[in-house]
Amino acid sequence: MGMPMVVGWLVALGEVGAGAALIAGAVLSRDILTRIGGLIVIIIMIGAIFLVHWPNGFNSQNGGFEFQLLMLVTGLYFLVRGNDV
């Protein structure tokens, strides 16, 4: 994709960290961990949409940003709501 290798590693670590924070927030009932996980997802998905998927349009079957937008909105939900269900 024309990006430095370090960016790929940082994104991978961020995705693992976001998932771990969301799971830990749910299991340990720690609202702040859930919100941090949601924030990390938002940051990564904004980058994915604008740096990779935007030129392909909305449709995910053509490599578009449909799924990334769904993940961004889900991250926003976790950021705003935390563990409140």
N, C-alpha and C. Protein backbone atom coordinates (compact mmCIF):
# COMPACT_ATOMS: atom_id res chain seq x y z
N MET A 1 0.81 -1.19 0.00
CA MET A 1 0.00 0.00 0.00
C MET A 1 0.86 1.26 0.00
N GLY A 2 2.15 1.09 -0.07
CA GLY A 2 3.02 2.24 -0.14
C GLY A 2 3.32 2.90 1.19
N MET A 3 3.01 2.23 2.28
CA MET A 3 3.27 2.80 3.60
C MET A 3 4.48 2.09 4.22
N PRO A 4 5.18 2.75 5.11
CA PRO A 4 6.32 2.11 5.77
C PRO A 4 5.87 0.91 6.61
N MET A 5 6.76 -0.04 6.76
CA MET A 5 6.47 -1.26 7.52
C MET A 5 6.07 -0.93 8.97
N VAL A 6 6.66 0.11 9.54
CA VAL A 6 6.36 0.46 10.92
C VAL A 6 4.89 0.85 11.09
N VAL A 7 4.28 1.44 10.07
CA VAL A 7 2.86 1.79 10.14
C VAL A 7 2.02 0.52 10.25
N GLY A 8 2.35 -0.49 9.46
CA GLY A 8 1.63 -1.76 9.54
C GLY A 8 1.73 -2.40 10.91
N TRP A 9 2.93 -2.36 11.48
CA TRP A 9 3.10 -2.92 12.82
C TRP A 9 2.33 -2.14 13.87
N LEU A 10 2.33 -0.81 13.77
CA LEU A 10 1.59 0.01 14.72
C LEU A 10 0.08 -0.23 14.62
N VAL A 11 -0.40 -0.38 13.39
CA VAL A 11 -1.83 -0.67 13.20
C VAL A 11 -2.17 -2.04 13.79
N ALA A 12 -1.32 -3.04 13.53
CA ALA A 12 -1.56 -4.38 14.07
C ALA A 12 -1.57 -4.36 15.59
N LEU A 13 -0.61 -3.68 16.20
CA LEU A 13 -0.58 -3.58 17.66
C LEU A 13 -1.80 -2.82 18.19
N GLY A 14 -2.20 -1.77 17.46
CA GLY A 14 -3.38 -1.03 17.86
C GLY A 14 -4.65 -1.86 17.80
N GLU A 15 -4.77 -2.67 16.76
CA GLU A 15 -5.96 -3.52 16.64
C GLU A 15 -6.00 -4.57 17.74
N VAL A 16 -4.86 -5.17 18.04
CA VAL A 16 -4.82 -6.16 19.13
C VAL A 16 -5.10 -5.47 20.46
N GLY A 17 -4.51 -4.29 20.66
CA GLY A 17 -4.74 -3.54 21.90
C GLY A 17 -6.19 -3.13 22.06
N ALA A 18 -6.81 -2.70 20.96
CA ALA A 18 -8.23 -2.31 21.03
C ALA A 18 -9.10 -3.50 21.40
N GLY A 19 -8.84 -4.63 20.76
CA GLY A 19 -9.62 -5.83 21.08
C GLY A 19 -9.43 -6.27 22.52
N ALA A 20 -8.18 -6.22 22.99
CA ALA A 20 -7.90 -6.61 24.38
C ALA A 20 -8.57 -5.64 25.35
N ALA A 21 -8.55 -4.35 25.03
CA ALA A 21 -9.20 -3.37 25.92
C ALA A 21 -10.71 -3.57 25.95
N LEU A 22 -11.31 -3.86 24.80
CA LEU A 22 -12.76 -4.08 24.78
C LEU A 22 -13.14 -5.33 25.57
N ILE A 23 -12.37 -6.40 25.40
CA ILE A 23 -12.66 -7.64 26.14
C ILE A 23 -12.43 -7.43 27.64
N ALA A 24 -11.30 -6.82 27.99
CA ALA A 24 -10.99 -6.58 29.41
C ALA A 24 -12.02 -5.66 30.03
N GLY A 25 -12.46 -4.66 29.28
CA GLY A 25 -13.48 -3.76 29.80
C GLY A 25 -14.79 -4.46 30.09
N ALA A 26 -15.14 -5.43 29.23
CA ALA A 26 -16.38 -6.17 29.45
C ALA A 26 -16.24 -7.17 30.60
N VAL A 27 -15.12 -7.89 30.64
CA VAL A 27 -14.93 -8.92 31.66
C VAL A 27 -14.73 -8.31 33.04
N LEU A 28 -13.92 -7.26 33.11
CA LEU A 28 -13.60 -6.64 34.40
C LEU A 28 -14.55 -5.53 34.80
N SER A 29 -15.53 -5.27 33.96
CA SER A 29 -16.50 -4.19 34.18
C SER A 29 -15.80 -2.85 34.40
N ARG A 30 -14.78 -2.58 33.59
CA ARG A 30 -14.05 -1.31 33.65
C ARG A 30 -14.46 -0.46 32.47
N ASP A 31 -15.24 0.55 32.74
CA ASP A 31 -15.79 1.42 31.72
C ASP A 31 -14.68 2.12 30.91
N ILE A 32 -13.61 2.53 31.58
CA ILE A 32 -12.55 3.27 30.91
C ILE A 32 -11.83 2.40 29.87
N LEU A 33 -11.67 1.11 30.14
CA LEU A 33 -11.03 0.22 29.17
C LEU A 33 -11.87 0.08 27.91
N THR A 34 -13.18 0.00 28.09
CA THR A 34 -14.08 -0.09 26.94
C THR A 34 -14.00 1.18 26.11
N ARG A 35 -13.97 2.32 26.76
CA ARG A 35 -13.89 3.60 26.04
C ARG A 35 -12.55 3.76 25.32
N ILE A 36 -11.46 3.34 25.94
CA ILE A 36 -10.15 3.41 25.29
C ILE A 36 -10.11 2.49 24.08
N GLY A 37 -10.66 1.29 24.21
CA GLY A 37 -10.74 0.38 23.07
C GLY A 37 -11.53 0.97 21.93
N GLY A 38 -12.65 1.62 22.24
CA GLY A 38 -13.45 2.27 21.21
C GLY A 38 -12.70 3.39 20.52
N LEU A 39 -11.93 4.18 21.29
CA LEU A 39 -11.15 5.27 20.72
C LEU A 39 -10.07 4.75 19.78
N ILE A 40 -9.41 3.68 20.16
CA ILE A 40 -8.38 3.09 19.29
C ILE A 40 -9.00 2.60 17.99
N VAL A 41 -10.16 1.96 18.07
CA VAL A 41 -10.85 1.49 16.86
C VAL A 41 -11.18 2.67 15.95
N ILE A 42 -11.67 3.76 16.52
CA ILE A 42 -12.01 4.95 15.73
C ILE A 42 -10.80 5.48 14.99
N ILE A 43 -9.68 5.61 15.68
CA ILE A 43 -8.47 6.15 15.07
C ILE A 43 -8.01 5.26 13.92
N ILE A 44 -7.99 3.96 14.14
CA ILE A 44 -7.53 3.04 13.10
C ILE A 44 -8.48 3.04 11.91
N MET A 45 -9.78 3.07 12.15
CA MET A 45 -10.74 3.04 11.05
C MET A 45 -10.74 4.34 10.24
N ILE A 46 -10.51 5.47 10.88
CA ILE A 46 -10.40 6.71 10.12
C ILE A 46 -9.21 6.62 9.17
N GLY A 47 -8.09 6.11 9.67
CA GLY A 47 -6.93 5.92 8.82
C GLY A 47 -7.20 4.94 7.70
N ALA A 48 -7.86 3.83 8.00
CA ALA A 48 -8.15 2.83 6.98
C ALA A 48 -9.07 3.37 5.90
N ILE A 49 -10.07 4.13 6.30
CA ILE A 49 -11.01 4.68 5.33
C ILE A 49 -10.32 5.65 4.39
N PHE A 50 -9.61 6.62 4.95
CA PHE A 50 -9.07 7.70 4.11
C PHE A 50 -7.77 7.34 3.41
N LEU A 51 -6.96 6.46 3.99
CA LEU A 51 -5.68 6.12 3.37
C LEU A 51 -5.75 4.93 2.42
N VAL A 52 -6.75 4.06 2.61
CA VAL A 52 -6.79 2.83 1.82
C VAL A 52 -8.08 2.67 1.02
N HIS A 53 -9.23 2.77 1.65
CA HIS A 53 -10.48 2.35 1.03
C HIS A 53 -11.26 3.45 0.32
N TRP A 54 -11.01 4.71 0.60
CA TRP A 54 -11.77 5.81 0.02
C TRP A 54 -11.82 5.80 -1.50
N PRO A 55 -10.69 5.59 -2.19
CA PRO A 55 -10.73 5.62 -3.66
C PRO A 55 -11.63 4.54 -4.28
N ASN A 56 -11.92 3.49 -3.54
CA ASN A 56 -12.73 2.38 -4.06
C ASN A 56 -14.23 2.59 -3.85
N GLY A 57 -14.63 3.67 -3.22
CA GLY A 57 -16.04 3.94 -3.01
C GLY A 57 -16.58 3.25 -1.77
N PHE A 58 -17.90 3.19 -1.69
CA PHE A 58 -18.58 2.67 -0.50
C PHE A 58 -18.66 1.15 -0.46
N ASN A 59 -18.93 0.52 -1.59
CA ASN A 59 -19.22 -0.90 -1.65
C ASN A 59 -18.00 -1.74 -1.25
N SER A 60 -18.18 -2.57 -0.24
CA SER A 60 -17.06 -3.38 0.26
C SER A 60 -16.66 -4.48 -0.73
N GLN A 61 -17.55 -4.87 -1.63
CA GLN A 61 -17.20 -5.89 -2.62
C GLN A 61 -16.18 -5.38 -3.62
N ASN A 62 -16.04 -4.06 -3.72
CA ASN A 62 -15.05 -3.46 -4.60
C ASN A 62 -13.87 -2.90 -3.82
N GLY A 63 -13.72 -3.32 -2.57
CA GLY A 63 -12.63 -2.81 -1.73
C GLY A 63 -12.95 -1.48 -1.08
N GLY A 64 -14.24 -1.15 -1.02
CA GLY A 64 -14.66 0.13 -0.45
C GLY A 64 -14.66 0.15 1.05
N PHE A 65 -15.21 1.22 1.61
CA PHE A 65 -15.10 1.48 3.05
C PHE A 65 -16.36 1.14 3.84
N GLU A 66 -17.25 0.36 3.30
CA GLU A 66 -18.50 0.03 3.99
C GLU A 66 -18.25 -0.63 5.36
N PHE A 67 -17.42 -1.66 5.40
CA PHE A 67 -17.15 -2.38 6.65
C PHE A 67 -16.39 -1.49 7.63
N GLN A 68 -15.43 -0.72 7.13
CA GLN A 68 -14.66 0.16 8.01
C GLN A 68 -15.54 1.23 8.63
N LEU A 69 -16.52 1.71 7.89
CA LEU A 69 -17.47 2.68 8.43
C LEU A 69 -18.31 2.05 9.54
N LEU A 70 -18.72 0.80 9.35
CA LEU A 70 -19.45 0.08 10.39
C LEU A 70 -18.60 -0.05 11.65
N MET A 71 -17.33 -0.41 11.48
CA MET A 71 -16.43 -0.54 12.62
C MET A 71 -16.20 0.81 13.31
N LEU A 72 -16.11 1.88 12.53
CA LEU A 72 -15.94 3.22 13.09
C LEU A 72 -17.14 3.60 13.95
N VAL A 73 -18.33 3.35 13.46
CA VAL A 73 -19.55 3.67 14.22
C VAL A 73 -19.63 2.80 15.48
N THR A 74 -19.21 1.54 15.39
CA THR A 74 -19.20 0.66 16.56
C THR A 74 -18.21 1.18 17.60
N GLY A 75 -17.02 1.61 17.14
CA GLY A 75 -16.04 2.19 18.06
C GLY A 75 -16.58 3.45 18.71
N LEU A 76 -17.30 4.27 17.94
CA LEU A 76 -17.92 5.47 18.48
C LEU A 76 -18.95 5.12 19.55
N TYR A 77 -19.72 4.08 19.31
CA TYR A 77 -20.70 3.62 20.30
C TYR A 77 -20.00 3.24 21.61
N PHE A 78 -18.92 2.45 21.52
CA PHE A 78 -18.20 2.05 22.72
C PHE A 78 -17.55 3.24 23.41
N LEU A 79 -17.06 4.21 22.65
CA LEU A 79 -16.47 5.40 23.24
C LEU A 79 -17.50 6.21 24.01
N VAL A 80 -18.68 6.38 23.44
CA VAL A 80 -19.71 7.20 24.07
C VAL A 80 -20.42 6.48 25.21
N ARG A 81 -20.78 5.22 24.98
CA ARG A 81 -21.58 4.48 25.96
C ARG A 81 -20.78 3.70 26.99
N GLY A 82 -19.56 3.32 26.64
CA GLY A 82 -18.77 2.50 27.58
C GLY A 82 -19.43 1.16 27.80
N ASN A 83 -19.55 0.77 29.07
CA ASN A 83 -20.16 -0.52 29.40
C ASN A 83 -21.66 -0.45 29.63
N ASP A 84 -22.25 0.73 29.51
CA ASP A 84 -23.69 0.85 29.70
C ASP A 84 -24.40 0.19 28.54
N VAL A 85 -25.25 -0.74 28.86
CA VAL A 85 -25.99 -1.44 27.81
C VAL A 85 -27.46 -1.17 27.96
